[in-house]
Amino acid sequence: MRRPKSQDQRADAASPTLERQDDRMAPPKSIVLARTVVSSALVLVLVTLSVLVVRWFMHDRDASGFRAVGVGTSGLREYVHERTGILFVRVPGGSFWQGSDDRDAEPQERPRRQSTVSSFLIAKTEVTNREFRCVMGYLPSERLEVWNQYPDLDRLPVGYVSWEEAAEFCRRVELSLPSESQWEYACRAGTDTRFAYGNDLTEQEANFGGANVAGVSTGTRLSPIPAGSLAPNAFGLFDMHGNVAEWCFEQVEPNGEQFAESPGARWSVLRGGAWTESARYSVHYRRDVEPRTHALAGYGFRPVFNLSD
C-alpha cells in the first residue's frame, strides 16, 4: 500500500510547474534592460534639472534686492528693484572701444582704447521725479520753484541734481552711479557709430535742444519729456542720448582753466547730453567735467547695480 505524499512532497512536486509559470510571467530581458535605461535617464534628467535650478538661483542671488520680471524686447533679462520699483536691465559683460579719435573729440575724450566691463544691472530709464521724491523726500527743482509748470511732472527725469545728491540717493537704496566705462558700454549697446542709432540724431530718437550734429536746427521741444518716451537702444535702455545728462561715479581731475574757476572742488563727469544742449553734446564719448556740487536743469542720473560675476 502506497503511503500518501506529505504536504512538503506535494509542494516540491508542484514547484517545477510554478517555476515554469513564473518564467512565462517574467518580462523579457530586453524589456528589463530598457526599463533600466529609462530609469537611469530619468535620474540623470532630474539631477540635471536640479543643477540648473541651483545655478539659476545662484545666478540671481548676486542681484539681491531685485525681482526678475522676464526678458525684455531687447532679449535681455529685466529686474525690478524692490525698494524703489525702478526697472533694470541685465547688461552682459564684454569689450568695446571707448573714447574717440574723431576730429571733434576733446583731449579728455582721447584716445580711443579698448575697455572691458563685467555684467551689471542698469536702470532702464533715468531716475524720475517720483522715484527721487520717494527716496529723498524732496525734489531739487522745488528749491528753485521750477519744473512744476510741466505736465507729467512725476514721469519727468529728475533735474537740478548734483553728484552728491545722486550718490546719496544711490547709497540709501544700495545702488551705485555707473562708472564711465559702464555708462559708455551701455550707451553704445554694441554699436560703433556716434550714437546708438547712427551718426546723427533725430527728435524721434533723442530729446536734445537746438541743432543736430550737422548744425541743422531740429531740436524744438526745449523741455524735458517723460522718461522712456522715445526709442530705446539695442540693450532696451531709454534716453541714453539727451533728456538729462547723467552723472558717473569716478572723481576726475579738471583741466587748469576749470580748476581755477572752482579751486578745491571735487569733480566728476556727466554723460549723454541734455534737452538744454545740441545733439553734439549727446555723442556717446562726450565727457562734461563738472564740480560735484553743480546742479543745473539738465543734470540727472541713472543708477546701476554691480554684480559679482
C-alpha atoms as a PDB file:
ATOM      1  CA  MET A   1       0.000   0.000   0.000  1.00  0.00           C
ATOM      2  CA  ARG A   2       1.437   3.383  -1.115  1.00  0.00           C
ATOM      3  CA  ARG A   3       1.795   5.936   1.547  1.00  0.00           C
ATOM      4  CA  PRO A   4       0.201   9.330   0.761  1.00  0.00           C
ATOM      5  CA  LYS A   5       2.616  12.120  -0.011  1.00  0.00           C
ATOM      6  CA  SER A   6       3.291  14.622   2.656  1.00  0.00           C
ATOM      7  CA  GLN A   7       2.431  18.300   2.197  1.00  0.00           C
ATOM      8  CA  ASP A   8       6.101  19.161   1.587  1.00  0.00           C
ATOM      9  CA  GLN A   9       6.415  16.490  -1.057  1.00  0.00           C
ATOM     10  CA  ARG A  10       3.323  17.783  -2.837  1.00  0.00           C
ATOM     11  CA  ALA A  11       4.742  21.320  -2.797  1.00  0.00           C
ATOM     12  CA  ASP A  12       8.056  20.047  -4.194  1.00  0.00           C
ATOM     13  CA  ALA A  13       6.277  18.228  -6.975  1.00  0.00           C
ATOM     14  CA  ALA A  14       4.331  21.348  -7.932  1.00  0.00           C
ATOM     15  CA  SER A  15       7.361  23.671  -7.836  1.00  0.00           C
ATOM     16  CA  PRO A  16       8.604  22.950 -11.399  1.00  0.00           C
ATOM     17  CA  THR A  17       5.174  23.897 -12.675  1.00  0.00           C
ATOM     18  CA  LEU A  18       5.227  27.149 -10.678  1.00  0.00           C
ATOM     19  CA  GLU A  19       8.729  27.929 -11.861  1.00  0.00           C
ATOM     20  CA  ARG A  20       7.640  27.425 -15.453  1.00  0.00           C
ATOM     21  CA  GLN A  21       4.668  29.762 -14.816  1.00  0.00           C
ATOM     22  CA  ASP A  22       6.993  32.386 -13.261  1.00  0.00           C
ATOM     23  CA  ASP A  23       9.281  32.157 -16.281  1.00  0.00           C
ATOM     24  CA  ARG A  24       6.348  32.784 -18.567  1.00  0.00           C
ATOM     25  CA  MET A  25       5.197  35.763 -16.440  1.00  0.00           C
ATOM     26  CA  ALA A  26       8.693  37.391 -16.193  1.00  0.00           C
ATOM     27  CA  PRO A  27       9.317  40.140 -18.821  1.00  0.00           C
ATOM     28  CA  PRO A  28      11.967  39.508 -21.472  1.00  0.00           C
ATOM     29  CA  LYS A  29      15.488  40.612 -20.654  1.00  0.00           C
ATOM     30  CA  SER A  30      15.343  43.309 -23.371  1.00  0.00           C
ATOM     31  CA  ILE A  31      12.381  44.923 -21.631  1.00  0.00           C
ATOM     32  CA  VAL A  32      14.180  44.793 -18.275  1.00  0.00           C
ATOM     33  CA  LEU A  33      17.213  46.418 -19.870  1.00  0.00           C
ATOM     34  CA  ALA A  34      15.061  49.122 -21.495  1.00  0.00           C
ATOM     35  CA  ARG A  35      13.386  49.872 -18.169  1.00  0.00           C
ATOM     36  CA  THR A  36      16.794  50.184 -16.508  1.00  0.00           C
ATOM     37  CA  VAL A  37      18.000  52.592 -19.219  1.00  0.00           C
ATOM     38  CA  VAL A  38      14.821  54.694 -18.941  1.00  0.00           C
ATOM     39  CA  SER A  39      15.121  54.827 -15.141  1.00  0.00           C
ATOM     40  CA  SER A  40      18.757  55.896 -15.383  1.00  0.00           C
ATOM     41  CA  ALA A  41      17.861  58.543 -17.951  1.00  0.00           C
ATOM     42  CA  LEU A  42      15.101  59.923 -15.703  1.00  0.00           C
ATOM     43  CA  VAL A  43      17.511  60.116 -12.786  1.00  0.00           C
ATOM     44  CA  LEU A  44      20.019  61.958 -14.984  1.00  0.00           C
ATOM     45  CA  VAL A  45      17.337  64.402 -16.158  1.00  0.00           C
ATOM     46  CA  LEU A  46      16.241  65.095 -12.580  1.00  0.00           C
ATOM     47  CA  VAL A  47      19.828  65.650 -11.460  1.00  0.00           C
ATOM     48  CA  THR A  48      20.460  67.979 -14.422  1.00  0.00           C
ATOM     49  CA  LEU A  49      17.307  69.963 -13.690  1.00  0.00           C
ATOM     50  CA  SER A  50      18.308  70.258 -10.045  1.00  0.00           C
ATOM     51  CA  VAL A  51      21.715  71.584 -11.042  1.00  0.00           C
ATOM     52  CA  LEU A  52      20.128  74.091 -13.436  1.00  0.00           C
ATOM     53  CA  VAL A  53      17.728  75.281 -10.742  1.00  0.00           C
ATOM     54  CA  VAL A  54      20.594  75.726  -8.290  1.00  0.00           C
ATOM     55  CA  ARG A  55      22.642  77.576 -10.911  1.00  0.00           C
ATOM     56  CA  TRP A  56      19.663  79.808 -11.738  1.00  0.00           C
ATOM     57  CA  PHE A  57      19.170  80.525  -8.044  1.00  0.00           C
ATOM     58  CA  MET A  58      22.844  81.269  -7.529  1.00  0.00           C
ATOM     59  CA  HIS A  59      22.881  83.366 -10.695  1.00  0.00           C
ATOM     60  CA  ASP A  60      20.225  85.658  -9.276  1.00  0.00           C
ATOM     61  CA  ARG A  61      21.492  85.713  -5.707  1.00  0.00           C
ATOM     62  CA  ASP A  62      24.089  88.287  -6.667  1.00  0.00           C
ATOM     63  CA  ALA A  63      21.175  90.557  -7.625  1.00  0.00           C
ATOM     64  CA  SER A  64      19.984  90.812  -4.023  1.00  0.00           C
ATOM     65  CA  GLY A  65      17.034  93.147  -3.603  1.00  0.00           C
ATOM     66  CA  PHE A  66      15.776  92.582  -7.148  1.00  0.00           C
ATOM     67  CA  ARG A  67      12.914  90.530  -8.549  1.00  0.00           C
ATOM     68  CA  ALA A  68      13.213  89.006 -12.010  1.00  0.00           C
ATOM     69  CA  VAL A  69      10.321  90.006 -14.284  1.00  0.00           C
ATOM     70  CA  GLY A  70      11.273  88.262 -17.515  1.00  0.00           C
ATOM     71  CA  VAL A  71      13.024  89.067 -20.759  1.00  0.00           C
ATOM     72  CA  GLY A  72      12.587  92.455 -22.427  1.00  0.00           C
ATOM     73  CA  THR A  73      12.153  93.245 -26.108  1.00  0.00           C
ATOM     74  CA  SER A  74      15.944  93.547 -26.352  1.00  0.00           C
ATOM     75  CA  GLY A  75      16.310  89.891 -25.383  1.00  0.00           C
ATOM     76  CA  LEU A  76      17.988  90.815 -22.090  1.00  0.00           C
ATOM     77  CA  ARG A  77      16.679  89.856 -18.670  1.00  0.00           C
ATOM     78  CA  GLU A  78      14.926  92.555 -16.654  1.00  0.00           C
ATOM     79  CA  TYR A  79      14.505  93.047 -12.918  1.00  0.00           C
ATOM     80  CA  VAL A  80      12.518  95.304 -10.616  1.00  0.00           C
ATOM     81  CA  HIS A  81      14.437  96.907  -7.771  1.00  0.00           C
ATOM     82  CA  GLU A  82      12.142  96.098  -4.871  1.00  0.00           C
ATOM     83  CA  ARG A  83      12.868  99.171  -2.745  1.00  0.00           C
ATOM     84  CA  THR A  84      12.277 101.736  -5.489  1.00  0.00           C
ATOM     85  CA  GLY A  85      10.258  99.964  -8.184  1.00  0.00           C
ATOM     86  CA  ILE A  86      12.849 101.003 -10.781  1.00  0.00           C
ATOM     87  CA  LEU A  87      13.142  98.622 -13.724  1.00  0.00           C
ATOM     88  CA  PHE A  88      16.667  97.403 -14.503  1.00  0.00           C
ATOM     89  CA  VAL A  89      18.225  95.582 -17.459  1.00  0.00           C
ATOM     90  CA  ARG A  90      20.975  92.984 -17.018  1.00  0.00           C
ATOM     91  CA  VAL A  91      23.665  94.062 -19.467  1.00  0.00           C
ATOM     92  CA  PRO A  92      26.072  91.275 -20.471  1.00  0.00           C
ATOM     93  CA  GLY A  93      29.753  91.929 -19.929  1.00  0.00           C
ATOM     94  CA  GLY A  94      32.093  92.439 -22.853  1.00  0.00           C
ATOM     95  CA  SER A  95      34.795  94.511 -24.502  1.00  0.00           C
ATOM     96  CA  PHE A  96      34.314  97.652 -26.578  1.00  0.00           C
ATOM     97  CA  TRP A  97      36.140 100.665 -27.964  1.00  0.00           C
ATOM     98  CA  GLN A  98      35.828 103.546 -25.503  1.00  0.00           C
ATOM     99  CA  GLY A  99      36.535 107.190 -26.288  1.00  0.00           C
ATOM    100  CA  SER A 100      37.273 108.579 -29.725  1.00  0.00           C
ATOM    101  CA  ASP A 101      39.962 109.848 -32.043  1.00  0.00           C
ATOM    102  CA  ASP A 102      37.442 111.854 -34.115  1.00  0.00           C
ATOM    103  CA  ARG A 103      38.395 115.381 -35.113  1.00  0.00           C
ATOM    104  CA  ASP A 104      35.806 116.898 -32.781  1.00  0.00           C
ATOM    105  CA  ALA A 105      36.838 114.786 -29.788  1.00  0.00           C
ATOM    106  CA  GLU A 106      38.182 116.789 -26.863  1.00  0.00           C
ATOM    107  CA  PRO A 107      41.599 115.937 -25.369  1.00  0.00           C
ATOM    108  CA  GLN A 108      39.834 114.423 -22.332  1.00  0.00           C
ATOM    109  CA  GLU A 109      37.909 112.083 -24.668  1.00  0.00           C
ATOM    110  CA  ARG A 110      41.024 110.666 -26.332  1.00  0.00           C
ATOM    111  CA  PRO A 111      42.469 108.217 -27.130  1.00  0.00           C
ATOM    112  CA  ARG A 112      40.175 105.546 -28.484  1.00  0.00           C
ATOM    113  CA  ARG A 113      41.052 102.445 -26.477  1.00  0.00           C
ATOM    114  CA  GLN A 114      39.633  99.021 -25.736  1.00  0.00           C
ATOM    115  CA  SER A 115      37.837  98.585 -22.407  1.00  0.00           C
ATOM    116  CA  THR A 116      36.186  95.596 -20.761  1.00  0.00           C
ATOM    117  CA  VAL A 117      33.263  95.539 -18.321  1.00  0.00           C
ATOM    118  CA  SER A 118      31.629  92.731 -16.359  1.00  0.00           C
ATOM    119  CA  SER A 119      27.898  92.084 -16.399  1.00  0.00           C
ATOM    120  CA  PHE A 120      25.860  94.633 -14.432  1.00  0.00           C
ATOM    121  CA  LEU A 121      22.314  95.893 -13.933  1.00  0.00           C
ATOM    122  CA  ILE A 122      21.445  99.372 -15.161  1.00  0.00           C
ATOM    123  CA  ALA A 123      18.200 101.327 -14.848  1.00  0.00           C
ATOM    124  CA  LYS A 124      16.112 101.197 -17.991  1.00  0.00           C
ATOM    125  CA  THR A 125      15.318 104.902 -17.722  1.00  0.00           C
ATOM    126  CA  GLU A 126      16.721 107.934 -15.941  1.00  0.00           C
ATOM    127  CA  VAL A 127      15.515 108.389 -12.360  1.00  0.00           C
ATOM    128  CA  THR A 128      12.215 110.255 -12.395  1.00  0.00           C
ATOM    129  CA  ASN A 129      10.893 112.972 -10.113  1.00  0.00           C
ATOM    130  CA  ARG A 130       8.524 110.493  -8.477  1.00  0.00           C
ATOM    131  CA  GLU A 131      11.301 107.974  -7.790  1.00  0.00           C
ATOM    132  CA  PHE A 132      13.646 110.634  -6.445  1.00  0.00           C
ATOM    133  CA  ARG A 133      10.991 112.134  -4.166  1.00  0.00           C
ATOM    134  CA  CYS A 134      10.028 108.715  -2.777  1.00  0.00           C
ATOM    135  CA  VAL A 135      13.615 108.096  -1.636  1.00  0.00           C
ATOM    136  CA  MET A 136      14.832 111.587  -0.761  1.00  0.00           C
ATOM    137  CA  GLY A 137      11.615 113.256   0.366  1.00  0.00           C
ATOM    138  CA  TYR A 138      12.014 116.328  -1.861  1.00  0.00           C
ATOM    139  CA  LEU A 139      12.680 117.429  -5.428  1.00  0.00           C
ATOM    140  CA  PRO A 140      15.748 119.535  -6.265  1.00  0.00           C
ATOM    141  CA  SER A 141      13.661 121.633  -8.660  1.00  0.00           C
ATOM    142  CA  GLU A 142      11.315 122.628  -5.827  1.00  0.00           C
ATOM    143  CA  ARG A 143      14.141 124.693  -4.315  1.00  0.00           C
ATOM    144  CA  LEU A 144      14.060 126.842  -7.454  1.00  0.00           C
ATOM    145  CA  GLU A 145      10.284 126.742  -7.960  1.00  0.00           C
ATOM    146  CA  VAL A 146      10.723 125.430 -11.490  1.00  0.00           C
ATOM    147  CA  TRP A 147       9.539 122.392 -13.473  1.00  0.00           C
ATOM    148  CA  ASN A 148       6.206 122.398 -11.672  1.00  0.00           C
ATOM    149  CA  GLN A 149       4.959 124.078 -14.837  1.00  0.00           C
ATOM    150  CA  TYR A 150       5.487 120.882 -16.837  1.00  0.00           C
ATOM    151  CA  PRO A 151       2.759 118.269 -17.275  1.00  0.00           C
ATOM    152  CA  ASP A 152       3.527 114.696 -16.187  1.00  0.00           C
ATOM    153  CA  LEU A 153       5.916 116.040 -13.556  1.00  0.00           C
ATOM    154  CA  ASP A 154       6.263 112.697 -11.796  1.00  0.00           C
ATOM    155  CA  ARG A 155       7.315 110.963 -15.030  1.00  0.00           C
ATOM    156  CA  LEU A 156       9.940 113.534 -15.987  1.00  0.00           C
ATOM    157  CA  PRO A 157      13.579 112.695 -15.284  1.00  0.00           C
ATOM    158  CA  VAL A 158      14.714 114.462 -12.141  1.00  0.00           C
ATOM    159  CA  GLY A 159      16.855 117.527 -12.879  1.00  0.00           C
ATOM    160  CA  TYR A 160      18.913 120.055 -10.939  1.00  0.00           C
ATOM    161  CA  VAL A 161      20.664 117.099  -9.278  1.00  0.00           C
ATOM    162  CA  SER A 162      24.229 117.430  -8.007  1.00  0.00           C
ATOM    163  CA  TRP A 163      26.593 114.458  -7.980  1.00  0.00           C
ATOM    164  CA  GLU A 164      26.371 114.453  -4.192  1.00  0.00           C
ATOM    165  CA  GLU A 165      22.568 114.152  -4.266  1.00  0.00           C
ATOM    166  CA  ALA A 166      22.669 111.415  -6.903  1.00  0.00           C
ATOM    167  CA  ALA A 167      25.254 109.484  -4.881  1.00  0.00           C
ATOM    168  CA  GLU A 168      23.202 109.872  -1.689  1.00  0.00           C
ATOM    169  CA  PHE A 169      20.092 108.565  -3.461  1.00  0.00           C
ATOM    170  CA  CYS A 170      22.059 105.503  -4.551  1.00  0.00           C
ATOM    171  CA  ARG A 171      23.562 104.986  -1.099  1.00  0.00           C
ATOM    172  CA  ARG A 172      20.137 104.939   0.556  1.00  0.00           C
ATOM    173  CA  VAL A 173      18.820 102.185  -1.704  1.00  0.00           C
ATOM    174  CA  GLU A 174      22.072 100.186  -2.070  1.00  0.00           C
ATOM    175  CA  LEU A 175      22.724 101.111  -5.692  1.00  0.00           C
ATOM    176  CA  SER A 176      25.583 102.989  -7.336  1.00  0.00           C
ATOM    177  CA  LEU A 177      26.315 105.532 -10.021  1.00  0.00           C
ATOM    178  CA  PRO A 178      27.807 103.894 -13.128  1.00  0.00           C
ATOM    179  CA  SER A 179      31.472 104.022 -13.957  1.00  0.00           C
ATOM    180  CA  GLU A 180      32.264 105.864 -17.173  1.00  0.00           C
ATOM    181  CA  SER A 181      33.098 102.555 -18.843  1.00  0.00           C
ATOM    182  CA  GLN A 182      29.779 101.037 -17.775  1.00  0.00           C
ATOM    183  CA  TRP A 183      27.878 104.083 -18.960  1.00  0.00           C
ATOM    184  CA  GLU A 184      29.520 104.247 -22.396  1.00  0.00           C
ATOM    185  CA  TYR A 185      29.249 100.481 -22.912  1.00  0.00           C
ATOM    186  CA  ALA A 186      25.521 100.630 -22.120  1.00  0.00           C
ATOM    187  CA  CYS A 187      25.058 103.679 -24.336  1.00  0.00           C
ATOM    188  CA  ARG A 188      26.822 102.165 -27.357  1.00  0.00           C
ATOM    189  CA  ALA A 189      24.906  98.878 -26.946  1.00  0.00           C
ATOM    190  CA  GLY A 190      27.170  97.070 -29.382  1.00  0.00           C
ATOM    191  CA  THR A 191      27.352  99.862 -31.969  1.00  0.00           C
ATOM    192  CA  ASP A 192      30.414 101.745 -33.182  1.00  0.00           C
ATOM    193  CA  THR A 193      28.677 104.831 -34.568  1.00  0.00           C
ATOM    194  CA  ARG A 194      28.499 108.267 -32.926  1.00  0.00           C
ATOM    195  CA  PHE A 195      25.089 107.462 -31.483  1.00  0.00           C
ATOM    196  CA  ALA A 196      23.240 104.227 -30.777  1.00  0.00           C
ATOM    197  CA  TYR A 197      21.051 104.954 -33.817  1.00  0.00           C
ATOM    198  CA  GLY A 198      23.712 106.020 -36.322  1.00  0.00           C
ATOM    199  CA  ASN A 199      25.934 109.042 -36.883  1.00  0.00           C
ATOM    200  CA  ASP A 200      23.275 111.681 -36.250  1.00  0.00           C
ATOM    201  CA  LEU A 201      20.182 112.134 -34.091  1.00  0.00           C
ATOM    202  CA  THR A 202      16.574 112.992 -34.813  1.00  0.00           C
ATOM    203  CA  GLU A 203      13.825 114.147 -32.465  1.00  0.00           C
ATOM    204  CA  GLN A 204      12.273 110.692 -32.706  1.00  0.00           C
ATOM    205  CA  GLU A 205      15.438 109.193 -31.202  1.00  0.00           C
ATOM    206  CA  ALA A 206      16.507 111.701 -28.538  1.00  0.00           C
ATOM    207  CA  ASN A 207      15.383 114.813 -26.712  1.00  0.00           C
ATOM    208  CA  PHE A 208      18.060 117.437 -27.358  1.00  0.00           C
ATOM    209  CA  GLY A 209      17.916 121.196 -27.779  1.00  0.00           C
ATOM    210  CA  GLY A 210      18.868 123.229 -30.828  1.00  0.00           C
ATOM    211  CA  ALA A 211      20.778 121.708 -33.729  1.00  0.00           C
ATOM    212  CA  ASN A 212      21.708 118.204 -34.753  1.00  0.00           C
ATOM    213  CA  VAL A 213      25.318 117.188 -35.466  1.00  0.00           C
ATOM    214  CA  ALA A 214      25.135 118.683 -38.953  1.00  0.00           C
ATOM    215  CA  GLY A 215      24.142 122.042 -37.461  1.00  0.00           C
ATOM    216  CA  VAL A 216      20.529 121.839 -38.631  1.00  0.00           C
ATOM    217  CA  SER A 217      18.022 123.112 -36.090  1.00  0.00           C
ATOM    218  CA  THR A 218      15.804 120.119 -35.297  1.00  0.00           C
ATOM    219  CA  GLY A 219      15.552 120.000 -31.507  1.00  0.00           C
ATOM    220  CA  THR A 220      12.405 122.007 -30.915  1.00  0.00           C
ATOM    221  CA  ARG A 221      10.992 120.678 -27.646  1.00  0.00           C
ATOM    222  CA  LEU A 222      13.322 122.707 -25.400  1.00  0.00           C
ATOM    223  CA  SER A 223      11.978 120.957 -22.307  1.00  0.00           C
ATOM    224  CA  PRO A 224      12.338 117.595 -20.578  1.00  0.00           C
ATOM    225  CA  ILE A 225       9.961 114.829 -21.620  1.00  0.00           C
ATOM    226  CA  PRO A 226       8.691 111.810 -19.658  1.00  0.00           C
ATOM    227  CA  ALA A 227      11.365 109.160 -19.224  1.00  0.00           C
ATOM    228  CA  GLY A 228      11.157 106.369 -21.773  1.00  0.00           C
ATOM    229  CA  SER A 229       9.087 108.288 -24.318  1.00  0.00           C
ATOM    230  CA  LEU A 230      11.380 107.710 -27.311  1.00  0.00           C
ATOM    231  CA  ALA A 231      13.067 104.717 -28.952  1.00  0.00           C
ATOM    232  CA  PRO A 232      15.341 102.515 -26.794  1.00  0.00           C
ATOM    233  CA  ASN A 233      18.787 101.371 -27.862  1.00  0.00           C
ATOM    234  CA  ALA A 234      19.713  97.753 -28.620  1.00  0.00           C
ATOM    235  CA  PHE A 235      20.010  96.998 -24.879  1.00  0.00           C
ATOM    236  CA  GLY A 236      16.473  98.275 -24.279  1.00  0.00           C
ATOM    237  CA  LEU A 237      17.678 101.445 -22.493  1.00  0.00           C
ATOM    238  CA  PHE A 238      15.877 104.747 -22.962  1.00  0.00           C
ATOM    239  CA  ASP A 239      17.287 108.283 -23.165  1.00  0.00           C
ATOM    240  CA  MET A 240      20.966 107.374 -23.121  1.00  0.00           C
ATOM    241  CA  HIS A 241      21.220 110.330 -25.507  1.00  0.00           C
ATOM    242  CA  GLY A 242      19.573 113.546 -24.354  1.00  0.00           C
ATOM    243  CA  ASN A 243      16.739 114.380 -21.923  1.00  0.00           C
ATOM    244  CA  VAL A 244      19.112 114.833 -18.955  1.00  0.00           C
ATOM    245  CA  ALA A 245      22.868 114.343 -18.731  1.00  0.00           C
ATOM    246  CA  GLU A 246      23.839 111.567 -16.326  1.00  0.00           C
ATOM    247  CA  TRP A 247      26.405 111.671 -13.532  1.00  0.00           C
ATOM    248  CA  CYS A 248      29.098 108.969 -13.435  1.00  0.00           C
ATOM    249  CA  PHE A 249      30.818 107.687 -10.325  1.00  0.00           C
ATOM    250  CA  GLU A 250      34.540 108.440 -10.671  1.00  0.00           C
ATOM    251  CA  GLN A 251      36.288 111.501  -9.343  1.00  0.00           C
ATOM    252  CA  VAL A 252      38.346 113.119 -12.107  1.00  0.00           C
ATOM    253  CA  GLU A 253      40.850 115.921 -12.464  1.00  0.00           C
ATOM    254  CA  PRO A 254      39.685 119.083 -14.266  1.00  0.00           C
ATOM    255  CA  ASN A 255      41.834 120.994 -16.694  1.00  0.00           C
ATOM    256  CA  GLY A 256      43.733 124.050 -15.487  1.00  0.00           C
ATOM    257  CA  GLU A 257      41.084 126.574 -16.515  1.00  0.00           C
ATOM    258  CA  GLN A 258      38.309 124.656 -14.795  1.00  0.00           C
ATOM    259  CA  PHE A 259      40.366 124.211 -11.639  1.00  0.00           C
ATOM    260  CA  ALA A 260      40.961 127.955 -11.474  1.00  0.00           C
ATOM    261  CA  GLU A 261      37.202 128.549 -11.603  1.00  0.00           C
ATOM    262  CA  SER A 262      36.451 126.185  -8.690  1.00  0.00           C
ATOM    263  CA  PRO A 263      39.600 125.617  -6.621  1.00  0.00           C
ATOM    264  CA  GLY A 264      39.314 122.874  -4.041  1.00  0.00           C
ATOM    265  CA  ALA A 265      36.238 121.321  -5.669  1.00  0.00           C
ATOM    266  CA  ARG A 266      35.895 117.636  -6.400  1.00  0.00           C
ATOM    267  CA  TRP A 267      34.933 116.866  -9.992  1.00  0.00           C
ATOM    268  CA  SER A 268      33.051 114.145 -11.828  1.00  0.00           C
ATOM    269  CA  VAL A 269      31.709 113.561 -15.323  1.00  0.00           C
ATOM    270  CA  LEU A 270      28.256 113.876 -16.863  1.00  0.00           C
ATOM    271  CA  ARG A 271      27.486 111.803 -19.946  1.00  0.00           C
ATOM    272  CA  GLY A 272      24.803 111.712 -22.647  1.00  0.00           C
ATOM    273  CA  GLY A 273      23.889 115.366 -23.150  1.00  0.00           C
ATOM    274  CA  ALA A 274      20.607 117.015 -22.198  1.00  0.00           C
ATOM    275  CA  TRP A 275      17.485 118.701 -23.526  1.00  0.00           C
ATOM    276  CA  THR A 276      19.275 122.020 -22.940  1.00  0.00           C
ATOM    277  CA  GLU A 277      22.103 121.184 -25.399  1.00  0.00           C
ATOM    278  CA  SER A 278      22.542 120.441 -29.092  1.00  0.00           C
ATOM    279  CA  ALA A 279      23.000 116.892 -30.341  1.00  0.00           C
ATOM    280  CA  ARG A 280      26.787 117.070 -30.478  1.00  0.00           C
ATOM    281  CA  TYR A 281      26.834 117.017 -26.674  1.00  0.00           C
ATOM    282  CA  SER A 282      24.950 113.708 -26.758  1.00  0.00           C
ATOM    283  CA  VAL A 283      27.657 111.787 -28.646  1.00  0.00           C
ATOM    284  CA  HIS A 284      28.437 108.664 -26.629  1.00  0.00           C
ATOM    285  CA  TYR A 285      32.071 109.625 -25.955  1.00  0.00           C
ATOM    286  CA  ARG A 286      31.351 113.234 -24.885  1.00  0.00           C
ATOM    287  CA  ARG A 287      32.523 113.979 -21.327  1.00  0.00           C
ATOM    288  CA  ASP A 288      31.251 117.018 -19.423  1.00  0.00           C
ATOM    289  CA  VAL A 289      33.552 117.528 -16.419  1.00  0.00           C
ATOM    290  CA  GLU A 290      31.824 119.474 -13.628  1.00  0.00           C
ATOM    291  CA  PRO A 291      32.178 120.084  -9.873  1.00  0.00           C
ATOM    292  CA  ARG A 292      30.182 117.591  -7.885  1.00  0.00           C
ATOM    293  CA  THR A 293      28.218 120.379  -6.217  1.00  0.00           C
ATOM    294  CA  HIS A 294      26.896 121.782  -9.521  1.00  0.00           C
ATOM    295  CA  ALA A 295      23.209 121.165 -10.151  1.00  0.00           C
ATOM    296  CA  LEU A 296      21.704 122.518 -13.384  1.00  0.00           C
ATOM    297  CA  ALA A 297      18.372 121.874 -15.088  1.00  0.00           C
ATOM    298  CA  GLY A 298      19.801 119.190 -17.365  1.00  0.00           C
ATOM    299  CA  TYR A 299      21.710 117.242 -14.679  1.00  0.00           C
ATOM    300  CA  GLY A 300      20.234 113.873 -13.707  1.00  0.00           C
ATOM    301  CA  PHE A 301      21.386 110.288 -13.259  1.00  0.00           C
ATOM    302  CA  ARG A 302      20.715 106.592 -13.853  1.00  0.00           C
ATOM    303  CA  PRO A 303      21.818 104.039 -11.198  1.00  0.00           C
ATOM    304  CA  VAL A 304      23.470 100.654 -11.636  1.00  0.00           C
ATOM    305  CA  PHE A 305      23.888  97.552  -9.503  1.00  0.00           C
ATOM    306  CA  ASN A 306      27.288  95.887  -9.693  1.00  0.00           C
ATOM    307  CA  LEU A 307      27.120  92.091  -9.914  1.00  0.00           C
ATOM    308  CA  SER A 308      29.723  89.735  -8.537  1.00  0.00           C
ATOM    309  CA  ASP A 309      30.301  87.806 -11.791  1.00  0.00           C
END
